[in-house]
Amino acid sequence: MRIGIDIEEVNRFLKYSHNKNYYKFLNRIFTKKEISYSFTKKRVAQHLAARFAAKEAIWKMLNTKNIQLNITDIAIHNEKNGKPKVFIKNKFNNNINLSLSHTKKYVVAVAIML
């Protein structure tokens, strides 16, 4: 079993939103689908931060196996019921379970691979 965890401040994603390079920043980290999904939500920064925390938790978990992986190789999408799904290099990975939680100020992600 492997585990990864990450916590992020939502404000980190709010403060960038007024920067002229904001979309360039988002495109370096997220897929277009992740960005589109987040921008459909009332609290955009919260959803971006949650996806970033998820990517970091997964990267930490997989990095222990000496796998070469970039942040952009990991994508988080949702099932219709809202459950997050993990994609590694555009392939669904059902071996990784992901849990996301957030408040107005913080988001946390836990990734577990059995």
PDB file of N, CA and C in Angstrom:
ATOM      1  N   MET A   1       0.849  -1.185   0.000  1.00  0.00           N
ATOM      2  CA  MET A   1       0.000   0.000   0.000  1.00  0.00           C
ATOM      3  C   MET A   1       0.889   1.241   0.000  1.00  0.00           C
ATOM      4  N   ARG A   2       0.495   2.230  -0.760  1.00  0.00           N
ATOM      5  CA  ARG A   2       1.195   3.516  -0.818  1.00  0.00           C
ATOM      6  C   ARG A   2       0.193   4.622  -0.524  1.00  0.00           C
ATOM      7  N   ILE A   3       0.699   5.715   0.071  1.00  0.00           N
ATOM      8  CA  ILE A   3      -0.180   6.834   0.415  1.00  0.00           C
ATOM      9  C   ILE A   3       0.539   8.151   0.132  1.00  0.00           C
ATOM     10  N   GLY A   4      -0.233   9.138  -0.291  1.00  0.00           N
ATOM     11  CA  GLY A   4       0.270  10.496  -0.487  1.00  0.00           C
ATOM     12  C   GLY A   4      -0.763  11.477   0.022  1.00  0.00           C
ATOM     13  N   ILE A   5      -0.304  12.574   0.582  1.00  0.00           N
ATOM     14  CA  ILE A   5      -1.217  13.588   1.119  1.00  0.00           C
ATOM     15  C   ILE A   5      -0.670  14.973   0.801  1.00  0.00           C
ATOM     16  N   ASP A   6      -1.579  15.922   0.604  1.00  0.00           N
ATOM     17  CA  ASP A   6      -1.168  17.306   0.378  1.00  0.00           C
ATOM     18  C   ASP A   6      -2.257  18.239   0.886  1.00  0.00           C
ATOM     19  N   ILE A   7      -1.836  19.387   1.372  1.00  0.00           N
ATOM     20  CA  ILE A   7      -2.763  20.438   1.806  1.00  0.00           C
ATOM     21  C   ILE A   7      -2.336  21.732   1.111  1.00  0.00           C
ATOM     22  N   GLU A   8      -3.305  22.499   0.684  1.00  0.00           N
ATOM     23  CA  GLU A   8      -3.046  23.766  -0.011  1.00  0.00           C
ATOM     24  C   GLU A   8      -3.948  24.860   0.538  1.00  0.00           C
ATOM     25  N   GLU A   9      -3.466  26.083   0.463  1.00  0.00           N
ATOM     26  CA  GLU A   9      -4.287  27.239   0.811  1.00  0.00           C
ATOM     27  C   GLU A   9      -5.041  27.700  -0.428  1.00  0.00           C
ATOM     28  N   VAL A  10      -6.329  27.918  -0.297  1.00  0.00           N
ATOM     29  CA  VAL A  10      -7.152  28.384  -1.415  1.00  0.00           C
ATOM     30  C   VAL A  10      -6.670  29.758  -1.880  1.00  0.00           C
ATOM     31  N   ASN A  11      -6.245  30.606  -0.951  1.00  0.00           N
ATOM     32  CA  ASN A  11      -5.777  31.955  -1.297  1.00  0.00           C
ATOM     33  C   ASN A  11      -4.639  31.947  -2.307  1.00  0.00           C
ATOM     34  N   ARG A  12      -3.858  30.895  -2.312  1.00  0.00           N
ATOM     35  CA  ARG A  12      -2.754  30.784  -3.276  1.00  0.00           C
ATOM     36  C   ARG A  12      -3.286  30.869  -4.710  1.00  0.00           C
ATOM     37  N   PHE A  13      -4.469  30.307  -4.934  1.00  0.00           N
ATOM     38  CA  PHE A  13      -5.062  30.327  -6.271  1.00  0.00           C
ATOM     39  C   PHE A  13      -5.898  31.579  -6.507  1.00  0.00           C
ATOM     40  N   LEU A  14      -6.357  32.201  -5.447  1.00  0.00           N
ATOM     41  CA  LEU A  14      -7.075  33.474  -5.565  1.00  0.00           C
ATOM     42  C   LEU A  14      -6.136  34.612  -5.931  1.00  0.00           C
ATOM     43  N   LYS A  15      -4.964  34.628  -5.304  1.00  0.00           N
ATOM     44  CA  LYS A  15      -4.051  35.751  -5.518  1.00  0.00           C
ATOM     45  C   LYS A  15      -3.529  35.807  -6.953  1.00  0.00           C
ATOM     46  N   TYR A  16      -3.424  34.650  -7.607  1.00  0.00           N
ATOM     47  CA  TYR A  16      -2.967  34.631  -8.992  1.00  0.00           C
ATOM     48  C   TYR A  16      -4.038  35.106  -9.972  1.00  0.00           C
ATOM     49  N   SER A  17      -5.301  35.070  -9.572  1.00  0.00           N
ATOM     50  CA  SER A  17      -6.392  35.363 -10.499  1.00  0.00           C
ATOM     51  C   SER A  17      -6.370  36.801 -11.023  1.00  0.00           C
ATOM     52  N   HIS A  18      -5.681  37.687 -10.358  1.00  0.00           N
ATOM     53  CA  HIS A  18      -5.587  39.080 -10.817  1.00  0.00           C
ATOM     54  C   HIS A  18      -4.308  39.355 -11.604  1.00  0.00           C
ATOM     55  N   ASN A  19      -3.519  38.327 -11.802  1.00  0.00           N
ATOM     56  CA  ASN A  19      -2.268  38.446 -12.535  1.00  0.00           C
ATOM     57  C   ASN A  19      -2.533  38.256 -14.023  1.00  0.00           C
ATOM     58  N   LYS A  20      -1.871  39.038 -14.854  1.00  0.00           N
ATOM     59  CA  LYS A  20      -2.093  38.943 -16.308  1.00  0.00           C
ATOM     60  C   LYS A  20      -1.649  37.585 -16.875  1.00  0.00           C
ATOM     61  N   ASN A  21      -0.783  36.880 -16.168  1.00  0.00           N
ATOM     62  CA  ASN A  21      -0.315  35.568 -16.617  1.00  0.00           C
ATOM     63  C   ASN A  21      -1.083  34.410 -15.989  1.00  0.00           C
ATOM     64  N   TYR A  22      -2.250  34.696 -15.439  1.00  0.00           N
ATOM     65  CA  TYR A  22      -3.037  33.699 -14.717  1.00  0.00           C
ATOM     66  C   TYR A  22      -3.347  32.466 -15.579  1.00  0.00           C
ATOM     67  N   TYR A  23      -3.798  32.671 -16.793  1.00  0.00           N
ATOM     68  CA  TYR A  23      -4.172  31.532 -17.636  1.00  0.00           C
ATOM     69  C   TYR A  23      -2.945  30.756 -18.108  1.00  0.00           C
ATOM     70  N   LYS A  24      -1.837  31.441 -18.260  1.00  0.00           N
ATOM     71  CA  LYS A  24      -0.593  30.758 -18.592  1.00  0.00           C
ATOM     72  C   LYS A  24      -0.184  29.857 -17.422  1.00  0.00           C
ATOM     73  N   PHE A  25      -0.331  30.385 -16.208  1.00  0.00           N
ATOM     74  CA  PHE A  25      -0.050  29.624 -14.989  1.00  0.00           C
ATOM     75  C   PHE A  25      -0.957  28.390 -14.912  1.00  0.00           C
ATOM     76  N   LEU A  26      -2.254  28.571 -15.124  1.00  0.00           N
ATOM     77  CA  LEU A  26      -3.203  27.448 -15.059  1.00  0.00           C
ATOM     78  C   LEU A  26      -2.874  26.381 -16.092  1.00  0.00           C
ATOM     79  N   ASN A  27      -2.546  26.794 -17.302  1.00  0.00           N
ATOM     80  CA  ASN A  27      -2.266  25.841 -18.374  1.00  0.00           C
ATOM     81  C   ASN A  27      -0.972  25.053 -18.158  1.00  0.00           C
ATOM     82  N   ARG A  28      -0.082  25.555 -17.312  1.00  0.00           N
ATOM     83  CA  ARG A  28       1.144  24.814 -16.998  1.00  0.00           C
ATOM     84  C   ARG A  28       0.875  23.695 -15.990  1.00  0.00           C
ATOM     85  N   ILE A  29      -0.245  23.779 -15.286  1.00  0.00           N
ATOM     86  CA  ILE A  29      -0.530  22.841 -14.202  1.00  0.00           C
ATOM     87  C   ILE A  29      -1.711  21.920 -14.501  1.00  0.00           C
ATOM     88  N   PHE A  30      -2.745  22.467 -15.155  1.00  0.00           N
ATOM     89  CA  PHE A  30      -4.005  21.744 -15.323  1.00  0.00           C
ATOM     90  C   PHE A  30      -4.300  21.440 -16.781  1.00  0.00           C
ATOM     91  N   THR A  31      -5.140  20.410 -16.986  1.00  0.00           N
ATOM     92  CA  THR A  31      -5.637  20.125 -18.330  1.00  0.00           C
ATOM     93  C   THR A  31      -6.769  21.116 -18.636  1.00  0.00           C
ATOM     94  N   LYS A  32      -7.113  21.242 -19.882  1.00  0.00           N
ATOM     95  CA  LYS A  32      -8.239  22.108 -20.261  1.00  0.00           C
ATOM     96  C   LYS A  32      -9.535  21.642 -19.608  1.00  0.00           C
ATOM     97  N   LYS A  33      -9.709  20.344 -19.503  1.00  0.00           N
ATOM     98  CA  LYS A  33     -10.908  19.789 -18.881  1.00  0.00           C
ATOM     99  C   LYS A  33     -10.968  20.147 -17.392  1.00  0.00           C
ATOM    100  N   GLU A  34      -9.830  20.112 -16.705  1.00  0.00           N
ATOM    101  CA  GLU A  34      -9.791  20.483 -15.283  1.00  0.00           C
ATOM    102  C   GLU A  34     -10.109  21.964 -15.092  1.00  0.00           C
ATOM    103  N   ILE A  35      -9.574  22.792 -15.973  1.00  0.00           N
ATOM    104  CA  ILE A  35      -9.828  24.236 -15.899  1.00  0.00           C
ATOM    105  C   ILE A  35     -11.300  24.517 -16.168  1.00  0.00           C
ATOM    106  N   SER A  36     -11.838  23.902 -17.218  1.00  0.00           N
ATOM    107  CA  SER A  36     -13.254  24.105 -17.561  1.00  0.00           C
ATOM    108  C   SER A  36     -14.160  23.690 -16.417  1.00  0.00           C
ATOM    109  N   TYR A  37     -13.890  22.532 -15.839  1.00  0.00           N
ATOM    110  CA  TYR A  37     -14.693  22.046 -14.718  1.00  0.00           C
ATOM    111  C   TYR A  37     -14.660  23.045 -13.560  1.00  0.00           C
ATOM    112  N   SER A  38     -13.484  23.498 -13.192  1.00  0.00           N
ATOM    113  CA  SER A  38     -13.334  24.418 -12.051  1.00  0.00           C
ATOM    114  C   SER A  38     -14.062  25.730 -12.290  1.00  0.00           C
ATOM    115  N   PHE A  39     -14.044  26.218 -13.531  1.00  0.00           N
ATOM    116  CA  PHE A  39     -14.682  27.497 -13.832  1.00  0.00           C
ATOM    117  C   PHE A  39     -16.214  27.393 -13.919  1.00  0.00           C
ATOM    118  N   THR A  40     -16.744  26.182 -13.847  1.00  0.00           N
ATOM    119  CA  THR A  40     -18.210  26.046 -13.776  1.00  0.00           C
ATOM    120  C   THR A  40     -18.702  26.137 -12.334  1.00  0.00           C
ATOM    121  N   LYS A  41     -17.786  26.170 -11.394  1.00  0.00           N
ATOM    122  CA  LYS A  41     -18.128  26.176  -9.976  1.00  0.00           C
ATOM    123  C   LYS A  41     -18.136  27.592  -9.416  1.00  0.00           C
ATOM    124  N   LYS A  42     -18.915  27.788  -8.366  1.00  0.00           N
ATOM    125  CA  LYS A  42     -19.031  29.105  -7.730  1.00  0.00           C
ATOM    126  C   LYS A  42     -17.693  29.541  -7.124  1.00  0.00           C
ATOM    127  N   ARG A  43     -16.986  28.617  -6.507  1.00  0.00           N
ATOM    128  CA  ARG A  43     -15.695  28.907  -5.871  1.00  0.00           C
ATOM    129  C   ARG A  43     -14.576  28.286  -6.706  1.00  0.00           C
ATOM    130  N   VAL A  44     -14.213  28.952  -7.783  1.00  0.00           N
ATOM    131  CA  VAL A  44     -13.235  28.451  -8.745  1.00  0.00           C
ATOM    132  C   VAL A  44     -11.913  28.108  -8.073  1.00  0.00           C
ATOM    133  N   ALA A  45     -11.389  29.027  -7.269  1.00  0.00           N
ATOM    134  CA  ALA A  45     -10.080  28.824  -6.642  1.00  0.00           C
ATOM    135  C   ALA A  45     -10.064  27.590  -5.754  1.00  0.00           C
ATOM    136  N   GLN A  46     -11.163  27.338  -5.087  1.00  0.00           N
ATOM    137  CA  GLN A  46     -11.256  26.172  -4.210  1.00  0.00           C
ATOM    138  C   GLN A  46     -11.119  24.878  -5.022  1.00  0.00           C
ATOM    139  N   HIS A  47     -11.751  24.833  -6.168  1.00  0.00           N
ATOM    140  CA  HIS A  47     -11.696  23.634  -7.007  1.00  0.00           C
ATOM    141  C   HIS A  47     -10.344  23.476  -7.687  1.00  0.00           C
ATOM    142  N   LEU A  48      -9.727  24.575  -8.080  1.00  0.00           N
ATOM    143  CA  LEU A  48      -8.380  24.507  -8.635  1.00  0.00           C
ATOM    144  C   LEU A  48      -7.396  24.025  -7.578  1.00  0.00           C
ATOM    145  N   ALA A  49      -7.509  24.576  -6.381  1.00  0.00           N
ATOM    146  CA  ALA A  49      -6.615  24.183  -5.290  1.00  0.00           C
ATOM    147  C   ALA A  49      -6.781  22.700  -4.952  1.00  0.00           C
ATOM    148  N   ALA A  50      -8.011  22.211  -4.969  1.00  0.00           N
ATOM    149  CA  ALA A  50      -8.260  20.797  -4.677  1.00  0.00           C
ATOM    150  C   ALA A  50      -7.615  19.900  -5.723  1.00  0.00           C
ATOM    151  N   ARG A  51      -7.724  20.277  -6.985  1.00  0.00           N
ATOM    152  CA  ARG A  51      -7.103  19.491  -8.048  1.00  0.00           C
ATOM    153  C   ARG A  51      -5.583  19.515  -7.928  1.00  0.00           C
ATOM    154  N   PHE A  52      -5.046  20.679  -7.586  1.00  0.00           N
ATOM    155  CA  PHE A  52      -3.596  20.780  -7.418  1.00  0.00           C
ATOM    156  C   PHE A  52      -3.140  19.913  -6.245  1.00  0.00           C
ATOM    157  N   ALA A  53      -3.850  19.970  -5.127  1.00  0.00           N
ATOM    158  CA  ALA A  53      -3.507  19.146  -3.970  1.00  0.00           C
ATOM    159  C   ALA A  53      -3.571  17.659  -4.326  1.00  0.00           C
ATOM    160  N   ALA A  54      -4.568  17.271  -5.109  1.00  0.00           N
ATOM    161  CA  ALA A  54      -4.699  15.881  -5.544  1.00  0.00           C
ATOM    162  C   ALA A  54      -3.498  15.459  -6.385  1.00  0.00           C
ATOM    163  N   LYS A  55      -3.119  16.311  -7.314  1.00  0.00           N
ATOM    164  CA  LYS A  55      -1.964  16.008  -8.159  1.00  0.00           C
ATOM    165  C   LYS A  55      -0.702  15.859  -7.324  1.00  0.00           C
ATOM    166  N   GLU A  56      -0.526  16.740  -6.363  1.00  0.00           N
ATOM    167  CA  GLU A  56       0.648  16.685  -5.479  1.00  0.00           C
ATOM    168  C   GLU A  56       0.632  15.411  -4.635  1.00  0.00           C
ATOM    169  N   ALA A  57      -0.517  15.045  -4.092  1.00  0.00           N
ATOM    170  CA  ALA A  57      -0.622  13.827  -3.276  1.00  0.00           C
ATOM    171  C   ALA A  57      -0.289  12.588  -4.113  1.00  0.00           C
ATOM    172  N   ILE A  58      -0.793  12.547  -5.334  1.00  0.00           N
ATOM    173  CA  ILE A  58      -0.520  11.420  -6.224  1.00  0.00           C
ATOM    174  C   ILE A  58       0.950  11.390  -6.608  1.00  0.00           C
ATOM    175  N   TRP A  59       1.504  12.540  -6.924  1.00  0.00           N
ATOM    176  CA  TRP A  59       2.925  12.609  -7.287  1.00  0.00           C
ATOM    177  C   TRP A  59       3.798  12.130  -6.128  1.00  0.00           C
ATOM    178  N   LYS A  60       3.482  12.570  -4.908  1.00  0.00           N
ATOM    179  CA  LYS A  60       4.248  12.130  -3.731  1.00  0.00           C
ATOM    180  C   LYS A  60       4.146  10.624  -3.546  1.00  0.00           C
ATOM    181  N   MET A  61       2.954  10.086  -3.725  1.00  0.00           N
ATOM    182  CA  MET A  61       2.736   8.660  -3.563  1.00  0.00           C
ATOM    183  C   MET A  61       3.515   7.858  -4.613  1.00  0.00           C
ATOM    184  N   LEU A  62       3.441   8.274  -5.855  1.00  0.00           N
ATOM    185  CA  LEU A  62       4.098   7.543  -6.938  1.00  0.00           C
ATOM    186  C   LEU A  62       5.594   7.786  -6.990  1.00  0.00           C
ATOM    187  N   ASN A  63       6.040   8.919  -6.511  1.00  0.00           N
ATOM    188  CA  ASN A  63       7.465   9.249  -6.543  1.00  0.00           C
ATOM    189  C   ASN A  63       8.284   8.268  -5.709  1.00  0.00           C
ATOM    190  N   THR A  64       7.665   7.624  -4.735  1.00  0.00           N
ATOM    191  CA  THR A  64       8.380   6.645  -3.921  1.00  0.00           C
ATOM    192  C   THR A  64       8.732   5.401  -4.732  1.00  0.00           C
ATOM    193  N   LYS A  65       8.127   5.257  -5.912  1.00  0.00           N
ATOM    194  CA  LYS A  65       8.405   4.106  -6.775  1.00  0.00           C
ATOM    195  C   LYS A  65       9.387   4.480  -7.897  1.00  0.00           C
ATOM    196  N   ASN A  66       9.997   5.671  -7.798  1.00  0.00           N
ATOM    197  CA  ASN A  66      10.951   6.160  -8.796  1.00  0.00           C
ATOM    198  C   ASN A  66      10.358   6.228 -10.198  1.00  0.00           C
ATOM    199  N   ILE A  67       9.112   6.635 -10.273  1.00  0.00           N
ATOM    200  CA  ILE A  67       8.439   6.821 -11.560  1.00  0.00           C
ATOM    201  C   ILE A  67       8.655   8.266 -11.994  1.00  0.00           C
ATOM    202  N   GLN A  68       9.110   8.468 -13.218  1.00  0.00           N
ATOM    203  CA  GLN A  68       9.285   9.818 -13.746  1.00  0.00           C
ATOM    204  C   GLN A  68       7.908  10.354 -14.127  1.00  0.00           C
ATOM    205  N   LEU A  69       7.482  11.402 -13.418  1.00  0.00           N
ATOM    206  CA  LEU A  69       6.139  11.922 -13.614  1.00  0.00           C
ATOM    207  C   LEU A  69       6.146  13.426 -13.416  1.00  0.00           C
ATOM    208  N   ASN A  70       5.511  14.127 -14.338  1.00  0.00           N
ATOM    209  CA  ASN A  70       5.328  15.571 -14.210  1.00  0.00           C
ATOM    210  C   ASN A  70       3.917  15.852 -13.714  1.00  0.00           C
ATOM    211  N   ILE A  71       3.721  17.027 -13.161  1.00  0.00           N
ATOM    212  CA  ILE A  71       2.403  17.430 -12.648  1.00  0.00           C
ATOM    213  C   ILE A  71       1.351  17.387 -13.763  1.00  0.00           C
ATOM    214  N   THR A  72       1.768  17.678 -14.980  1.00  0.00           N
ATOM    215  CA  THR A  72       0.837  17.682 -16.111  1.00  0.00           C
ATOM    216  C   THR A  72       0.493  16.277 -16.606  1.00  0.00           C
ATOM    217  N   ASP A  73       1.219  15.256 -16.122  1.00  0.00           N
ATOM    218  CA  ASP A  73       0.909  13.870 -16.481  1.00  0.00           C
ATOM    219  C   ASP A  73      -0.260  13.326 -15.664  1.00  0.00           C
ATOM    220  N   ILE A  74      -0.639  14.069 -14.613  1.00  0.00           N
ATOM    221  CA  ILE A  74      -1.712  13.654 -13.720  1.00  0.00           C
ATOM    222  C   ILE A  74      -2.929  14.535 -13.970  1.00  0.00           C
ATOM    223  N   ALA A  75      -4.082  13.930 -14.142  1.00  0.00           N
ATOM    224  CA  ALA A  75      -5.322  14.692 -14.333  1.00  0.00           C
ATOM    225  C   ALA A  75      -6.400  14.137 -13.406  1.00  0.00           C
ATOM    226  N   ILE A  76      -7.210  15.049 -12.880  1.00  0.00           N
ATOM    227  CA  ILE A  76      -8.305  14.674 -11.988  1.00  0.00           C
ATOM    228  C   ILE A  76      -9.618  15.078 -12.653  1.00  0.00           C
ATOM    229  N   HIS A  77     -10.464  14.096 -12.894  1.00  0.00           N
ATOM    230  CA  HIS A  77     -11.790  14.342 -13.457  1.00  0.00           C
ATOM    231  C   HIS A  77     -12.822  13.736 -12.508  1.00  0.00           C
ATOM    232  N   ASN A  78     -14.064  14.050 -12.713  1.00  0.00           N
ATOM    233  CA  ASN A  78     -15.103  13.558 -11.817  1.00  0.00           C
ATOM    234  C   ASN A  78     -16.094  12.657 -12.536  1.00  0.00           C
ATOM    235  N   GLU A  79     -16.561  11.662 -11.788  1.00  0.00           N
ATOM    236  CA  GLU A  79     -17.679  10.859 -12.269  1.00  0.00           C
ATOM    237  C   GLU A  79     -18.936  11.712 -12.123  1.00  0.00           C
ATOM    238  N   LYS A  80     -20.039  11.273 -12.694  1.00  0.00           N
ATOM    239  CA  LYS A  80     -21.290  12.038 -12.604  1.00  0.00           C
ATOM    240  C   LYS A  80     -21.734  12.255 -11.161  1.00  0.00           C
ATOM    241  N   ASN A  81     -21.403  11.317 -10.275  1.00  0.00           N
ATOM    242  CA  ASN A  81     -21.784  11.458  -8.870  1.00  0.00           C
ATOM    243  C   ASN A  81     -20.814  12.342  -8.077  1.00  0.00           C
ATOM    244  N   GLY A  82     -19.794  12.866  -8.752  1.00  0.00           N
ATOM    245  CA  GLY A  82     -18.842  13.772  -8.108  1.00  0.00           C
ATOM    246  C   GLY A  82     -17.566  13.114  -7.639  1.00  0.00           C
ATOM    247  N   LYS A  83     -17.500  11.803  -7.634  1.00  0.00           N
ATOM    248  CA  LYS A  83     -16.311  11.102  -7.177  1.00  0.00           C
ATOM    249  C   LYS A  83     -15.132  11.404  -8.102  1.00  0.00           C
ATOM    250  N   PRO A  84     -13.976  11.794  -7.527  1.00  0.00           N
ATOM    251  CA  PRO A  84     -12.818  12.096  -8.379  1.00  0.00           C
ATOM    252  C   PRO A  84     -12.196  10.827  -8.961  1.00  0.00           C
ATOM    253  N   LYS A  85     -11.789  10.917 -10.226  1.00  0.00           N
ATOM    254  CA  LYS A  85     -11.111   9.829 -10.922  1.00  0.00           C
ATOM    255  C   LYS A  85      -9.710  10.313 -11.290  1.00  0.00           C
ATOM    256  N   VAL A  86      -8.753   9.418 -11.239  1.00  0.00           N
ATOM    257  CA  VAL A  86      -7.358   9.751 -11.519  1.00  0.00           C
ATOM    258  C   VAL A  86      -6.959   9.220 -12.890  1.00  0.00           C
ATOM    259  N   PHE A  87      -6.336  10.094 -13.668  1.00  0.00           N
ATOM    260  CA  PHE A  87      -5.778   9.717 -14.964  1.00  0.00           C
ATOM    261  C   PHE A  87      -4.278   9.999 -14.936  1.00  0.00           C
ATOM    262  N   ILE A  88      -3.495   9.013 -15.310  1.00  0.00           N
ATOM    263  CA  ILE A  88      -2.045   9.171 -15.415  1.00  0.00           C
ATOM    264  C   ILE A  88      -1.693   9.031 -16.887  1.00  0.00           C
ATOM    265  N   LYS A  89      -1.089  10.083 -17.424  1.00  0.00           N
ATOM    266  CA  LYS A  89      -0.730  10.114 -18.849  1.00  0.00           C
ATOM    267  C   LYS A  89      -1.923   9.722 -19.725  1.00  0.00           C
ATOM    268  N   ASN A  90      -3.077  10.339 -19.435  1.00  0.00           N
ATOM    269  CA  ASN A  90      -4.327  10.192 -20.182  1.00  0.00           C
ATOM    270  C   ASN A  90      -5.005   8.827 -20.051  1.00  0.00           C
ATOM    271  N   LYS A  91      -4.575   8.006 -19.110  1.00  0.00           N
ATOM    272  CA  LYS A  91      -5.202   6.695 -18.918  1.00  0.00           C
ATOM    273  C   LYS A  91      -5.802   6.633 -17.515  1.00  0.00           C
ATOM    274  N   PHE A  92      -7.052   6.184 -17.436  1.00  0.00           N
ATOM    275  CA  PHE A  92      -7.733   6.048 -16.158  1.00  0.00           C
ATOM    276  C   PHE A  92      -6.982   5.038 -15.299  1.00  0.00           C
ATOM    277  N   ASN A  93      -6.755   5.401 -14.036  1.00  0.00           N
ATOM    278  CA  ASN A  93      -6.057   4.516 -13.118  1.00  0.00           C
ATOM    279  C   ASN A  93      -6.983   4.147 -11.969  1.00  0.00           C
ATOM    280  N   ASN A  94      -7.562   2.959 -12.043  1.00  0.00           N
ATOM    281  CA  ASN A  94      -8.505   2.555 -10.997  1.00  0.00           C
ATOM    282  C   ASN A  94      -7.811   1.955  -9.779  1.00  0.00           C
ATOM    283  N   ASN A  95      -6.476   1.913  -9.770  1.00  0.00           N
ATOM    284  CA  ASN A  95      -5.730   1.434  -8.611  1.00  0.00           C
ATOM    285  C   ASN A  95      -5.518   2.533  -7.574  1.00  0.00           C
ATOM    286  N   ILE A  96      -5.812   3.777  -7.932  1.00  0.00           N
ATOM    287  CA  ILE A  96      -5.601   4.903  -7.027  1.00  0.00           C
ATOM    288  C   ILE A  96      -6.950   5.408  -6.538  1.00  0.00           C
ATOM    289  N   ASN A  97      -7.108   5.421  -5.231  1.00  0.00           N
ATOM    290  CA  ASN A  97      -8.290   6.003  -4.606  1.00  0.00           C
ATOM    291  C   ASN A  97      -7.912   7.397  -4.119  1.00  0.00           C
ATOM    292  N   LEU A  98      -8.812   8.337  -4.343  1.00  0.00           N
ATOM    293  CA  LEU A  98      -8.535   9.731  -4.035  1.00  0.00           C
ATOM    294  C   LEU A  98      -9.673  10.313  -3.219  1.00  0.00           C
ATOM    295  N   SER A  99      -9.308  11.055  -2.175  1.00  0.00           N
ATOM    296  CA  SER A  99     -10.298  11.746  -1.368  1.00  0.00           C
ATOM    297  C   SER A  99      -9.906  13.217  -1.284  1.00  0.00           C
ATOM    298  N   LEU A 100     -10.864  14.102  -1.566  1.00  0.00           N
ATOM    299  CA  LEU A 100     -10.637  15.548  -1.524  1.00  0.00           C
ATOM    300  C   LEU A 100     -11.592  16.160  -0.512  1.00  0.00           C
ATOM    301  N   SER A 101     -11.110  17.153   0.199  1.00  0.00           N
ATOM    302  CA  SER A 101     -11.954  17.863   1.143  1.00  0.00           C
ATOM    303  C   SER A 101     -11.500  19.314   1.192  1.00  0.00           C
ATOM    304  N   HIS A 102     -12.465  20.233   1.450  1.00  0.00           N
ATOM    305  CA  HIS A 102     -12.065  21.633   1.497  1.00  0.00           C
ATOM    306  C   HIS A 102     -12.950  22.462   2.401  1.00  0.00           C
ATOM    307  N   THR A 103     -12.348  23.569   2.845  1.00  0.00           N
ATOM    308  CA  THR A 103     -13.058  24.618   3.564  1.00  0.00           C
ATOM    309  C   THR A 103     -12.847  25.871   2.729  1.00  0.00           C
ATOM    310  N   LYS A 104     -13.261  27.014   3.227  1.00  0.00           N
ATOM    311  CA  LYS A 104     -13.039  28.255   2.481  1.00  0.00           C
ATOM    312  C   LYS A 104     -11.550  28.573   2.356  1.00  0.00           C
ATOM    313  N   LYS A 105     -10.745  28.150   3.322  1.00  0.00           N
ATOM    314  CA  LYS A 105      -9.333  28.519   3.356  1.00  0.00           C
ATOM    315  C   LYS A 105      -8.371  27.429   2.897  1.00  0.00           C
ATOM    316  N   TYR A 106      -8.733  26.166   3.113  1.00  0.00           N
ATOM    317  CA  TYR A 106      -7.800  25.072   2.841  1.00  0.00           C
ATOM    318  C   TYR A 106      -8.458  23.933   2.081  1.00  0.00           C
ATOM    319  N   VAL A 107      -7.611  23.208   1.340  1.00  0.00           N
ATOM    320  CA  VAL A 107      -8.035  21.970   0.696  1.00  0.00           C
ATOM    321  C   VAL A 107      -7.032  20.897   1.070  1.00  0.00           C
ATOM    322  N   VAL A 108      -7.507  19.670   1.134  1.00  0.00           N
ATOM    323  CA  VAL A 108      -6.623  18.545   1.433  1.00  0.00           C
ATOM    324  C   VAL A 108      -6.967  17.400   0.477  1.00  0.00           C
ATOM    325  N   ALA A 109      -5.931  16.667   0.109  1.00  0.00           N
ATOM    326  CA  ALA A 109      -6.117  15.503  -0.764  1.00  0.00           C
ATOM    327  C   ALA A 109      -5.324  14.343  -0.198  1.00  0.00           C
ATOM    328  N   VAL A 110      -5.938  13.172  -0.255  1.00  0.00           N
ATOM    329  CA  VAL A 110      -5.275  11.940   0.157  1.00  0.00           C
ATOM    330  C   VAL A 110      -5.415  10.947  -0.990  1.00  0.00           C
ATOM    331  N   ALA A 111      -4.283  10.391  -1.402  1.00  0.00           N
ATOM    332  CA  ALA A 111      -4.269   9.385  -2.458  1.00  0.00           C
ATOM    333  C   ALA A 111      -3.745   8.084  -1.877  1.00  0.00           C
ATOM    334  N   ILE A 112      -4.439   6.995  -2.177  1.00  0.00           N
ATOM    335  CA  ILE A 112      -4.041   5.677  -1.689  1.00  0.00           C
ATOM    336  C   ILE A 112      -4.010   4.709  -2.860  1.00  0.00           C
ATOM    337  N   MET A 113      -2.929   3.951  -2.925  1.00  0.00           N
ATOM    338  CA  MET A 113      -2.815   2.902  -3.951  1.00  0.00           C
ATOM    339  C   MET A 113      -2.634   1.573  -3.221  1.00  0.00           C
ATOM    340  N   LEU A 114      -3.514   0.629  -3.531  1.00  0.00           N
ATOM    341  CA  LEU A 114      -3.429  -0.697  -2.903  1.00  0.00           C
ATOM    342  C   LEU A 114      -2.592  -1.637  -3.744  1.00  0.00           C
TER     343      LEU A 114
END
